Every structure is written in structure tokens, then in C-alpha cells.
């Protein structure tokens, strides 16, 4: 957990250092940092950093974890994912956009039982919605990431998992 906080702080400082501070209308943003709650195999809670590299194009980076277990056997995942998202406006609602893109996830499973230990890698298309509040520095988004496993750490993981989705809330700057 201490490493996760250090990584989150470093990500925030790097993003702030490299961001160009531009005048923005209240419904757009350049960078956002916060939390993503997911429902996938790989992460349940993740630090989330999103930065726009062009007007419609953004990179999202997540560093997360997910505990698993049942009586007598516990294990957990540490994961990282990165995705490119291309945004499109939704109607006339200021700050409301939908996006499509794709990315890569890597994770490692830790357990005292060797059956549940190992490294995994997957690719995913992504799609979702993104909203930036106009009067406060807050962005929220929801996404779906059906993941195709390239490397499975053990047989528990399916090679295709459609239920990998999440919601995010980020402080924008």
C-alpha cells in the first residue's frame, strides 16, 4: 500500500510538472488524477491518471490491486493498465463526451499457494462516457474493458473476460 501511495504521488507530480497550464473553459480539462473502482479480474481499486495529448485524444494510466480469497486461501493482484481514448461530444451537453480506444493490462498475482501465483498480460478495447463538471475541478467517467488474456498466470483466469468495467472520479487541473 505504501508503494501504491508513492507511485500515486510521483504520477501526480510528473503530470503537474509536464502539463501546460492553459486557460480552459469550465467543462474541459488537461489532466485528472483520482480513483477508479473496477469490477474486473485485475483490479478492484486503482489510482487513475488521465491526460489529454490532443484535443480529442487522452491516455489513461491505472495502478491498482484486488484481493481474493476464501477460507484458508487468500491471494491478491497488483496491476497496471494503460489505454488510449478518443473522445467525441454528446449532443449539446457541455463537458459530456463518449470515448472509444484500447489498451494493455499487466498484473501479478501473489499467494502462498503456487497455484494462484503468477504474471498475466491482456489487451482490451475500451469504451465509455466522460463528464467534466463546469463549476468544480471534478471529472467522472464510466467504462467497459472486455479483456483478452495473452498470458494467464494459472487456469483460474479465463482467456476472455467481458465484465471488466469501472467508474472513476478525478480531480482535474
Protein backbone atom coordinates (compact mmCIF):
# COMPACT_ATOMS: atom_id res chain seq x y z
CA UNK A 1 0.00 0.00 0.00
CA UNK A 2 2.91 2.32 0.80
CA UNK A 3 4.36 1.73 -2.68
CA UNK A 4 0.97 2.50 -4.26
CA UNK A 5 0.83 5.85 -2.45
CA UNK A 6 4.40 6.69 -3.51
CA UNK A 7 3.57 5.80 -7.13
CA UNK A 8 0.37 7.88 -6.99
CA UNK A 9 2.30 10.88 -5.63
CA UNK A 10 5.02 10.52 -8.26
CA UNK A 11 2.42 10.29 -11.04
CA UNK A 12 0.69 13.43 -9.77
CA UNK A 13 3.95 15.39 -9.54
CA UNK A 14 5.10 14.32 -13.01
CA UNK A 15 1.74 15.11 -14.55
CA UNK A 16 1.66 18.53 -12.92
CA UNK A 17 5.25 19.29 -13.91
CA UNK A 18 4.76 18.41 -17.57
CA UNK A 19 1.27 19.83 -18.01
CA UNK A 20 0.85 23.13 -19.75
CA UNK A 21 -1.29 25.42 -17.68
CA UNK A 22 -3.74 26.76 -20.21
CA UNK A 23 -6.87 28.85 -19.82
CA UNK A 24 -9.76 26.43 -20.05
CA UNK A 25 -13.48 26.73 -20.13
CA UNK A 26 -15.06 25.13 -17.09
CA UNK A 27 -16.06 21.94 -18.91
CA UNK A 28 -12.70 20.85 -20.33
CA UNK A 29 -9.54 19.71 -18.63
CA UNK A 30 -5.96 18.74 -19.48
CA UNK A 31 -5.14 16.35 -16.60
CA UNK A 32 -7.04 14.46 -13.94
CA UNK A 33 -5.92 12.31 -11.02
CA UNK A 34 -8.10 10.23 -8.75
CA UNK A 35 -9.52 6.79 -8.17
CA UNK A 36 -11.08 4.07 -10.33
CA UNK A 37 -13.33 1.38 -8.87
CA UNK A 38 -13.40 -1.68 -11.11
CA UNK A 39 -15.20 -4.95 -11.39
CA UNK A 40 -12.64 -6.97 -13.33
CA UNK A 41 -10.30 -9.79 -12.53
CA UNK A 42 -7.30 -7.49 -12.27
CA UNK A 43 -8.18 -4.55 -10.07
CA UNK A 44 -10.91 -3.54 -7.68
CA UNK A 45 -9.40 -0.19 -6.66
CA UNK A 46 -6.87 1.75 -8.72
CA UNK A 47 -5.16 5.11 -8.78
CA UNK A 48 -6.18 6.78 -12.04
CA UNK A 49 -4.32 9.41 -14.05
CA UNK A 50 -5.73 10.79 -17.31
CA UNK A 51 -4.05 13.31 -19.59
CA UNK A 52 -5.14 14.72 -22.93
CA UNK A 53 -2.36 14.56 -25.51
CA UNK A 54 -4.57 16.15 -28.21
CA UNK A 55 -7.96 17.82 -28.02
CA UNK A 56 -9.90 14.54 -28.52
CA UNK A 57 -7.16 12.03 -27.52
CA UNK A 58 -6.27 11.02 -23.97
CA UNK A 59 -4.06 8.50 -22.20
CA UNK A 60 -5.34 6.86 -19.02
CA UNK A 61 -3.00 5.05 -16.64
CA UNK A 62 -4.25 2.94 -13.72
CA UNK A 63 -2.29 1.29 -10.90
CA UNK A 64 -4.43 -0.97 -8.76
CA UNK A 65 -5.00 -4.03 -6.65
CA UNK A 66 -7.64 -6.65 -6.00
CA UNK A 67 -7.82 -9.01 -3.01
CA UNK A 68 -9.24 -12.51 -3.45
CA UNK A 69 -9.82 -15.33 -1.09
CA UNK A 70 -11.87 -17.87 0.66
CA UNK A 71 -11.43 -19.75 3.91
CA UNK A 72 -7.85 -20.97 4.15
CA UNK A 73 -6.60 -19.44 0.89
CA UNK A 74 -6.04 -15.75 0.19
CA UNK A 75 -4.28 -14.02 -2.68
CA UNK A 76 -4.19 -10.61 -4.36
CA UNK A 77 -3.35 -8.92 -7.65
CA UNK A 78 -1.25 -5.85 -8.29
CA UNK A 79 -1.97 -4.42 -11.72
CA UNK A 80 -1.17 -1.65 -14.13
CA UNK A 81 -3.03 -0.65 -17.26
CA UNK A 82 -2.68 2.00 -19.91
CA UNK A 83 -5.16 2.94 -22.61
CA UNK A 84 -5.67 5.45 -25.39
CA UNK A 85 -9.14 7.03 -25.56
CA UNK A 86 -10.55 9.12 -28.42
CA UNK A 87 -13.37 11.43 -27.22
CA UNK A 88 -16.48 12.66 -29.05
CA UNK A 89 -19.05 15.21 -27.79
CA UNK A 90 -22.52 14.03 -26.81
CA UNK A 91 -25.16 16.41 -28.12
CA UNK A 92 -25.13 19.94 -26.76
CA UNK A 93 -24.24 18.99 -23.18
CA UNK A 94 -21.09 20.91 -22.26
CA UNK A 95 -18.37 18.65 -20.84
CA UNK A 96 -20.16 15.36 -21.66
CA UNK A 97 -18.32 13.04 -24.07
CA UNK A 98 -18.14 9.41 -25.07
CA UNK A 99 -14.92 7.63 -25.97
CA UNK A 100 -13.50 4.55 -27.65
CA UNK A 101 -9.98 3.18 -27.66
CA UNK A 102 -7.85 0.33 -26.44
CA UNK A 103 -5.08 -0.63 -24.10
CA UNK A 104 -2.94 -3.13 -22.28
CA UNK A 105 -3.07 -4.51 -18.74
CA UNK A 106 -0.33 -6.32 -16.82
CA UNK A 107 -0.77 -7.89 -13.41
CA UNK A 108 0.95 -10.13 -10.93
CA UNK A 109 -0.86 -12.43 -8.53
CA UNK A 110 0.67 -13.11 -5.10
CA UNK A 111 -0.26 -16.08 -2.90
CA UNK A 112 1.27 -18.63 -0.57
CA UNK A 113 -0.36 -21.26 -2.83
CA UNK A 114 1.69 -21.64 -6.04
CA UNK A 115 -1.48 -22.42 -7.99
CA UNK A 116 -2.61 -18.81 -7.55
CA UNK A 117 0.74 -17.10 -8.22
CA UNK A 118 2.00 -15.61 -11.47
CA UNK A 119 2.17 -12.89 -14.08
CA UNK A 120 -0.62 -12.07 -16.53
CA UNK A 121 -0.96 -9.82 -19.56
CA UNK A 122 -4.02 -8.79 -21.53
CA UNK A 123 -5.25 -6.38 -24.19
CA UNK A 124 -8.61 -4.67 -24.27
CA UNK A 125 -10.80 -2.41 -26.36
CA UNK A 126 -12.46 0.25 -24.24
CA UNK A 127 -15.49 2.48 -24.47
CA UNK A 128 -17.37 4.71 -22.10
CA UNK A 129 -18.57 8.15 -21.13
CA UNK A 130 -16.72 11.07 -19.54
CA UNK A 131 -18.17 14.16 -17.82
CA UNK A 132 -16.33 17.24 -16.54
CA UNK A 133 -18.34 19.42 -14.18
CA UNK A 134 -18.25 23.05 -15.29
CA UNK A 135 -18.05 24.79 -11.92
CA UNK A 136 -15.77 22.45 -9.93
CA UNK A 137 -12.50 20.64 -10.76
CA UNK A 138 -14.13 17.19 -10.94
CA UNK A 139 -14.35 14.64 -13.74
CA UNK A 140 -16.31 11.38 -13.59
CA UNK A 141 -16.30 8.55 -16.10
CA UNK A 142 -17.59 5.02 -16.62
CA UNK A 143 -16.02 2.48 -18.94
CA UNK A 144 -16.08 -1.12 -20.09
CA UNK A 145 -12.90 -3.04 -20.95
CA UNK A 146 -13.58 -6.57 -22.25
CA UNK A 147 -10.14 -8.12 -21.78
CA UNK A 148 -8.42 -10.78 -23.88
CA UNK A 149 -5.67 -12.57 -21.94
CA UNK A 150 -2.40 -13.05 -23.75
CA UNK A 151 -0.58 -14.54 -20.75
CA UNK A 152 -2.54 -16.32 -17.99
CA UNK A 153 -0.86 -16.94 -14.63
CA UNK A 154 -2.97 -20.07 -13.99
CA UNK A 155 -6.13 -21.82 -15.12
CA UNK A 156 -8.44 -19.76 -12.87
CA UNK A 157 -8.31 -16.90 -15.37
CA UNK A 158 -10.41 -17.07 -18.50
CA UNK A 159 -8.83 -16.11 -21.80
CA UNK A 160 -11.68 -13.62 -22.37
CA UNK A 161 -13.44 -11.61 -19.68
CA UNK A 162 -16.27 -9.29 -20.76
CA UNK A 163 -17.21 -7.95 -17.31
CA UNK A 164 -14.16 -5.74 -16.81
CA UNK A 165 -15.65 -2.29 -16.24
CA UNK A 166 -15.27 0.59 -13.83
CA UNK A 167 -16.15 4.07 -12.68
CA UNK A 168 -13.68 6.86 -11.98
CA UNK A 169 -13.62 10.20 -10.18
CA UNK A 170 -10.70 12.57 -10.73
CA UNK A 171 -9.54 15.98 -9.57
CA UNK A 172 -8.84 17.99 -12.73
CA UNK A 173 -6.11 20.53 -13.39
